[in-house]
Amino acid sequence: MIEIQNQKRYDLEERTLVFTQDVISFTQKLTKNIANIEIIKQLVRSAGSIGANYIEANESFSKKDFILRIKICRREAKETIYWLKLLVILESQEEERRKLIQEATELMKIFGSIVEKSK
């Protein structure tokens, strides 16, 4: 997981890409049981959707479309948190999961703020 201490990251396309890569890397280390396999599929989809929808928002044709895409980003970040919490993990993996939840929460708040400022 890439960590930048005492430095704010403003490039959301890059930040969401790195987040999705971190999620994928995390899921590759998990125990593959029936529950986790299904949760992992959902988790990777929702994490990837955050960045994909942000790219779509940046290419939107109208303010209304932009706001809709940003709301989808926020919703996908919330969903990603949900799937991360449901995973069955080893105790040694808890810190990494906590960091991913923290990043998803920050992204959710950023997108919420963008929605509010765009109104």
N, C-alpha and C. Protein backbone atom coordinates (compact mmCIF):
# COMPACT_ATOMS: atom_id res chain seq x y z
N MET A 1 0.85 -1.16 0.00
CA MET A 1 0.00 0.00 0.00
C MET A 1 0.90 1.24 0.00
N ILE A 2 0.64 2.15 -0.88
CA ILE A 2 1.42 3.38 -0.96
C ILE A 2 0.96 4.33 0.14
N GLU A 3 1.92 4.81 0.91
CA GLU A 3 1.58 5.74 1.97
C GLU A 3 2.36 7.03 1.75
N ILE A 4 1.67 8.13 1.79
CA ILE A 4 2.31 9.43 1.69
C ILE A 4 2.03 10.15 2.99
N GLN A 5 3.06 10.34 3.80
CA GLN A 5 2.87 10.96 5.10
C GLN A 5 3.01 12.47 4.97
N ASN A 6 2.14 13.19 5.67
CA ASN A 6 2.16 14.64 5.72
C ASN A 6 2.08 15.29 4.34
N GLN A 7 1.44 14.62 3.41
CA GLN A 7 1.29 15.19 2.07
C GLN A 7 -0.10 14.84 1.56
N LYS A 8 -0.86 15.86 1.15
CA LYS A 8 -2.19 15.61 0.62
C LYS A 8 -2.08 15.19 -0.84
N ARG A 9 -2.91 14.24 -1.22
CA ARG A 9 -2.94 13.81 -2.62
C ARG A 9 -4.18 14.40 -3.26
N TYR A 10 -3.99 15.14 -4.34
CA TYR A 10 -5.09 15.83 -4.98
C TYR A 10 -5.55 15.15 -6.27
N ASP A 11 -4.73 14.31 -6.87
CA ASP A 11 -5.10 13.66 -8.11
C ASP A 11 -5.99 12.46 -7.80
N LEU A 12 -7.30 12.67 -7.88
CA LEU A 12 -8.24 11.61 -7.51
C LEU A 12 -8.23 10.44 -8.48
N GLU A 13 -7.93 10.68 -9.75
CA GLU A 13 -7.83 9.55 -10.69
C GLU A 13 -6.71 8.62 -10.24
N GLU A 14 -5.57 9.17 -9.92
CA GLU A 14 -4.44 8.37 -9.47
C GLU A 14 -4.75 7.73 -8.11
N ARG A 15 -5.33 8.49 -7.23
CA ARG A 15 -5.64 7.99 -5.88
C ARG A 15 -6.62 6.83 -5.93
N THR A 16 -7.64 6.94 -6.76
CA THR A 16 -8.61 5.84 -6.86
C THR A 16 -8.00 4.62 -7.55
N LEU A 17 -7.09 4.86 -8.49
CA LEU A 17 -6.40 3.75 -9.15
C LEU A 17 -5.53 2.99 -8.14
N VAL A 18 -4.75 3.73 -7.37
CA VAL A 18 -3.89 3.10 -6.35
C VAL A 18 -4.74 2.36 -5.32
N PHE A 19 -5.87 2.96 -4.93
CA PHE A 19 -6.76 2.30 -3.98
C PHE A 19 -7.24 0.96 -4.52
N THR A 20 -7.68 0.95 -5.77
CA THR A 20 -8.16 -0.31 -6.37
C THR A 20 -7.04 -1.33 -6.45
N GLN A 21 -5.84 -0.89 -6.81
CA GLN A 21 -4.70 -1.80 -6.85
C GLN A 21 -4.41 -2.38 -5.47
N ASP A 22 -4.52 -1.53 -4.45
CA ASP A 22 -4.30 -2.00 -3.07
C ASP A 22 -5.35 -3.02 -2.65
N VAL A 23 -6.60 -2.78 -3.04
CA VAL A 23 -7.68 -3.73 -2.74
C VAL A 23 -7.40 -5.06 -3.42
N ILE A 24 -7.04 -5.03 -4.68
CA ILE A 24 -6.75 -6.27 -5.42
C ILE A 24 -5.59 -7.01 -4.76
N SER A 25 -4.54 -6.30 -4.41
CA SER A 25 -3.38 -6.91 -3.75
C SER A 25 -3.80 -7.56 -2.43
N PHE A 26 -4.62 -6.86 -1.66
CA PHE A 26 -5.12 -7.39 -0.39
C PHE A 26 -5.93 -8.67 -0.60
N THR A 27 -6.82 -8.66 -1.58
CA THR A 27 -7.68 -9.83 -1.79
C THR A 27 -6.89 -11.06 -2.24
N GLN A 28 -5.77 -10.84 -2.89
CA GLN A 28 -4.96 -11.97 -3.34
C GLN A 28 -4.31 -12.72 -2.18
N LYS A 29 -4.25 -12.09 -1.03
CA LYS A 29 -3.64 -12.71 0.16
C LYS A 29 -4.66 -13.43 1.04
N LEU A 30 -5.95 -13.28 0.71
CA LEU A 30 -7.00 -13.80 1.59
C LEU A 30 -7.24 -15.29 1.41
N THR A 31 -7.78 -15.90 2.45
CA THR A 31 -8.20 -17.28 2.41
C THR A 31 -9.36 -17.40 1.43
N LYS A 32 -9.29 -18.37 0.57
CA LYS A 32 -10.33 -18.55 -0.46
C LYS A 32 -11.35 -19.59 0.02
N ASN A 33 -12.33 -19.12 0.80
CA ASN A 33 -13.45 -19.97 1.19
C ASN A 33 -14.69 -19.51 0.43
N ILE A 34 -15.78 -20.22 0.55
CA ILE A 34 -16.98 -19.91 -0.23
C ILE A 34 -17.45 -18.48 0.00
N ALA A 35 -17.49 -18.06 1.25
CA ALA A 35 -17.96 -16.70 1.54
C ALA A 35 -17.02 -15.66 0.96
N ASN A 36 -15.72 -15.81 1.21
CA ASN A 36 -14.77 -14.82 0.74
C ASN A 36 -14.72 -14.70 -0.77
N ILE A 37 -14.86 -15.80 -1.46
CA ILE A 37 -14.80 -15.75 -2.93
C ILE A 37 -15.88 -14.82 -3.47
N GLU A 38 -17.08 -14.94 -2.96
CA GLU A 38 -18.18 -14.08 -3.43
C GLU A 38 -18.00 -12.64 -2.98
N ILE A 39 -17.55 -12.45 -1.75
CA ILE A 39 -17.33 -11.10 -1.23
C ILE A 39 -16.20 -10.41 -2.01
N ILE A 40 -15.14 -11.15 -2.29
CA ILE A 40 -14.00 -10.59 -3.04
C ILE A 40 -14.45 -10.09 -4.41
N LYS A 41 -15.29 -10.86 -5.09
CA LYS A 41 -15.79 -10.42 -6.40
C LYS A 41 -16.50 -9.08 -6.29
N GLN A 42 -17.38 -8.96 -5.31
CA GLN A 42 -18.13 -7.73 -5.10
C GLN A 42 -17.21 -6.58 -4.71
N LEU A 43 -16.26 -6.87 -3.84
CA LEU A 43 -15.32 -5.87 -3.36
C LEU A 43 -14.49 -5.29 -4.50
N VAL A 44 -13.94 -6.15 -5.34
CA VAL A 44 -13.11 -5.68 -6.46
C VAL A 44 -13.96 -4.85 -7.43
N ARG A 45 -15.19 -5.28 -7.67
CA ARG A 45 -16.07 -4.50 -8.56
C ARG A 45 -16.36 -3.12 -8.00
N SER A 46 -16.73 -3.05 -6.72
CA SER A 46 -17.09 -1.75 -6.16
C SER A 46 -15.87 -0.84 -6.04
N ALA A 47 -14.73 -1.38 -5.65
CA ALA A 47 -13.51 -0.56 -5.53
C ALA A 47 -13.10 -0.02 -6.91
N GLY A 48 -13.15 -0.86 -7.92
CA GLY A 48 -12.81 -0.42 -9.27
C GLY A 48 -13.78 0.58 -9.84
N SER A 49 -15.02 0.47 -9.44
CA SER A 49 -16.07 1.35 -9.92
C SER A 49 -15.89 2.78 -9.42
N ILE A 50 -15.25 2.96 -8.28
CA ILE A 50 -15.02 4.30 -7.75
C ILE A 50 -14.22 5.11 -8.77
N GLY A 51 -13.09 4.59 -9.17
CA GLY A 51 -12.23 5.30 -10.12
C GLY A 51 -12.83 5.40 -11.50
N ALA A 52 -13.48 4.34 -11.95
CA ALA A 52 -14.08 4.35 -13.28
C ALA A 52 -15.16 5.43 -13.38
N ASN A 53 -15.96 5.56 -12.34
CA ASN A 53 -17.01 6.59 -12.35
C ASN A 53 -16.43 7.98 -12.19
N TYR A 54 -15.30 8.10 -11.49
CA TYR A 54 -14.66 9.41 -11.39
C TYR A 54 -14.14 9.86 -12.76
N ILE A 55 -13.57 8.94 -13.50
CA ILE A 55 -13.12 9.26 -14.86
C ILE A 55 -14.32 9.68 -15.71
N GLU A 56 -15.42 8.95 -15.59
CA GLU A 56 -16.65 9.32 -16.31
C GLU A 56 -17.13 10.71 -15.91
N ALA A 57 -17.05 11.02 -14.62
CA ALA A 57 -17.48 12.34 -14.14
C ALA A 57 -16.65 13.44 -14.79
N ASN A 58 -15.35 13.21 -14.90
CA ASN A 58 -14.47 14.21 -15.51
C ASN A 58 -14.74 14.40 -17.00
N GLU A 59 -15.39 13.44 -17.61
CA GLU A 59 -15.71 13.53 -19.03
C GLU A 59 -17.19 13.84 -19.25
N SER A 60 -17.88 14.21 -18.21
CA SER A 60 -19.33 14.43 -18.32
C SER A 60 -19.64 15.64 -19.21
N PHE A 61 -20.85 15.61 -19.76
CA PHE A 61 -21.29 16.66 -20.68
C PHE A 61 -22.05 17.78 -19.99
N SER A 62 -22.48 17.53 -18.77
CA SER A 62 -23.25 18.55 -18.06
C SER A 62 -22.95 18.48 -16.57
N LYS A 63 -23.31 19.54 -15.89
CA LYS A 63 -23.13 19.59 -14.44
C LYS A 63 -23.97 18.51 -13.76
N LYS A 64 -25.18 18.31 -14.26
CA LYS A 64 -26.08 17.29 -13.70
C LYS A 64 -25.46 15.90 -13.82
N ASP A 65 -24.89 15.60 -14.98
CA ASP A 65 -24.24 14.31 -15.21
C ASP A 65 -23.01 14.17 -14.30
N PHE A 66 -22.25 15.25 -14.15
CA PHE A 66 -21.08 15.25 -13.28
C PHE A 66 -21.49 14.89 -11.85
N ILE A 67 -22.50 15.57 -11.34
CA ILE A 67 -22.96 15.33 -9.97
C ILE A 67 -23.45 13.89 -9.81
N LEU A 68 -24.18 13.39 -10.78
CA LEU A 68 -24.66 12.00 -10.72
C LEU A 68 -23.49 11.02 -10.63
N ARG A 69 -22.47 11.21 -11.45
CA ARG A 69 -21.30 10.31 -11.44
C ARG A 69 -20.56 10.39 -10.10
N ILE A 70 -20.44 11.60 -9.56
CA ILE A 70 -19.75 11.76 -8.28
C ILE A 70 -20.55 11.08 -7.16
N LYS A 71 -21.88 11.18 -7.23
CA LYS A 71 -22.72 10.47 -6.25
C LYS A 71 -22.53 8.97 -6.36
N ILE A 72 -22.35 8.48 -7.58
CA ILE A 72 -22.09 7.05 -7.77
C ILE A 72 -20.75 6.69 -7.15
N CYS A 73 -19.74 7.54 -7.33
CA CYS A 73 -18.43 7.30 -6.69
C CYS A 73 -18.59 7.16 -5.18
N ARG A 74 -19.35 8.08 -4.60
CA ARG A 74 -19.57 8.06 -3.15
C ARG A 74 -20.28 6.77 -2.73
N ARG A 75 -21.30 6.39 -3.49
CA ARG A 75 -22.04 5.17 -3.18
C ARG A 75 -21.14 3.93 -3.29
N GLU A 76 -20.30 3.89 -4.31
CA GLU A 76 -19.40 2.74 -4.49
C GLU A 76 -18.36 2.68 -3.37
N ALA A 77 -17.92 3.83 -2.88
CA ALA A 77 -16.98 3.84 -1.75
C ALA A 77 -17.65 3.26 -0.50
N LYS A 78 -18.92 3.65 -0.28
CA LYS A 78 -19.67 3.10 0.86
C LYS A 78 -19.82 1.58 0.72
N GLU A 79 -20.12 1.14 -0.49
CA GLU A 79 -20.28 -0.29 -0.72
C GLU A 79 -18.96 -1.02 -0.49
N THR A 80 -17.87 -0.42 -0.91
CA THR A 80 -16.55 -1.04 -0.71
C THR A 80 -16.26 -1.24 0.77
N ILE A 81 -16.61 -0.26 1.58
CA ILE A 81 -16.44 -0.38 3.04
C ILE A 81 -17.24 -1.57 3.56
N TYR A 82 -18.45 -1.70 3.09
CA TYR A 82 -19.33 -2.80 3.50
C TYR A 82 -18.67 -4.15 3.20
N TRP A 83 -18.18 -4.34 1.98
CA TRP A 83 -17.57 -5.61 1.60
C TRP A 83 -16.28 -5.86 2.39
N LEU A 84 -15.50 -4.80 2.62
CA LEU A 84 -14.28 -4.97 3.41
C LEU A 84 -14.60 -5.46 4.82
N LYS A 85 -15.67 -4.94 5.39
CA LYS A 85 -16.06 -5.35 6.75
C LYS A 85 -16.57 -6.79 6.79
N LEU A 86 -17.12 -7.28 5.70
CA LEU A 86 -17.67 -8.64 5.68
C LEU A 86 -16.63 -9.73 5.48
N LEU A 87 -15.47 -9.38 4.94
CA LEU A 87 -14.46 -10.40 4.66
C LEU A 87 -14.04 -11.17 5.90
N VAL A 88 -13.82 -12.45 5.72
CA VAL A 88 -13.24 -13.29 6.77
C VAL A 88 -11.73 -13.23 6.57
N ILE A 89 -11.04 -12.67 7.57
CA ILE A 89 -9.59 -12.47 7.43
C ILE A 89 -8.85 -13.03 8.63
N LEU A 90 -7.54 -13.14 8.48
CA LEU A 90 -6.69 -13.53 9.60
C LEU A 90 -6.44 -12.29 10.45
N GLU A 91 -6.12 -12.52 11.69
CA GLU A 91 -5.85 -11.40 12.60
C GLU A 91 -4.70 -10.53 12.06
N SER A 92 -3.73 -11.16 11.43
CA SER A 92 -2.58 -10.44 10.89
C SER A 92 -2.94 -9.52 9.72
N GLN A 93 -4.12 -9.71 9.15
CA GLN A 93 -4.56 -8.89 8.01
C GLN A 93 -5.45 -7.73 8.43
N GLU A 94 -5.75 -7.63 9.71
CA GLU A 94 -6.68 -6.61 10.20
C GLU A 94 -6.18 -5.19 9.97
N GLU A 95 -4.89 -4.95 10.17
CA GLU A 95 -4.34 -3.61 10.00
C GLU A 95 -4.47 -3.14 8.55
N GLU A 96 -4.20 -4.04 7.61
CA GLU A 96 -4.33 -3.67 6.20
C GLU A 96 -5.79 -3.39 5.84
N ARG A 97 -6.71 -4.22 6.38
CA ARG A 97 -8.13 -3.97 6.13
C ARG A 97 -8.54 -2.62 6.71
N ARG A 98 -8.08 -2.30 7.91
CA ARG A 98 -8.40 -1.04 8.55
C ARG A 98 -7.93 0.15 7.68
N LYS A 99 -6.74 0.04 7.12
CA LYS A 99 -6.21 1.12 6.25
C LYS A 99 -7.05 1.27 4.99
N LEU A 100 -7.49 0.15 4.42
CA LEU A 100 -8.34 0.22 3.23
C LEU A 100 -9.69 0.85 3.56
N ILE A 101 -10.25 0.49 4.69
CA ILE A 101 -11.53 1.09 5.12
C ILE A 101 -11.34 2.59 5.34
N GLN A 102 -10.23 2.96 5.94
CA GLN A 102 -9.95 4.38 6.17
C GLN A 102 -9.85 5.13 4.84
N GLU A 103 -9.15 4.58 3.87
CA GLU A 103 -9.02 5.24 2.57
C GLU A 103 -10.38 5.33 1.86
N ALA A 104 -11.16 4.26 1.90
CA ALA A 104 -12.49 4.29 1.29
C ALA A 104 -13.37 5.33 1.97
N THR A 105 -13.25 5.46 3.27
CA THR A 105 -14.01 6.46 4.02
C THR A 105 -13.60 7.87 3.60
N GLU A 106 -12.29 8.10 3.46
CA GLU A 106 -11.81 9.41 3.02
C GLU A 106 -12.31 9.72 1.61
N LEU A 107 -12.26 8.74 0.72
CA LEU A 107 -12.78 8.95 -0.64
C LEU A 107 -14.26 9.29 -0.61
N MET A 108 -15.01 8.56 0.21
CA MET A 108 -16.45 8.81 0.33
C MET A 108 -16.70 10.25 0.78
N LYS A 109 -15.94 10.72 1.75
CA LYS A 109 -16.09 12.09 2.24
C LYS A 109 -15.69 13.12 1.18
N ILE A 110 -14.63 12.84 0.45
CA ILE A 110 -14.20 13.74 -0.63
C ILE A 110 -15.30 13.87 -1.67
N PHE A 111 -15.86 12.75 -2.10
CA PHE A 111 -16.91 12.80 -3.11
C PHE A 111 -18.17 13.47 -2.57
N GLY A 112 -18.46 13.27 -1.30
CA GLY A 112 -19.59 13.97 -0.68
C GLY A 112 -19.38 15.46 -0.69
N SER A 113 -18.17 15.89 -0.40
CA SER A 113 -17.84 17.31 -0.41
C SER A 113 -17.94 17.89 -1.82
N ILE A 114 -17.51 17.14 -2.82
CA ILE A 114 -17.61 17.59 -4.21
C ILE A 114 -19.07 17.79 -4.58
N VAL A 115 -19.92 16.86 -4.18
CA VAL A 115 -21.36 16.98 -4.47
C VAL A 115 -21.91 18.26 -3.85
N GLU A 116 -21.58 18.50 -2.59
CA GLU A 116 -22.11 19.68 -1.89
C GLU A 116 -21.62 20.97 -2.54
N LYS A 117 -20.36 21.00 -2.93
CA LYS A 117 -19.81 22.23 -3.54
C LYS A 117 -20.29 22.43 -4.98
N SER A 118 -20.78 21.37 -5.60
CA SER A 118 -21.22 21.47 -7.00
C SER A 118 -22.67 21.92 -7.12
N LYS A 119 -23.38 21.98 -6.02
CA LYS A 119 -24.80 22.36 -6.08
C LYS A 119 -24.98 23.84 -6.30
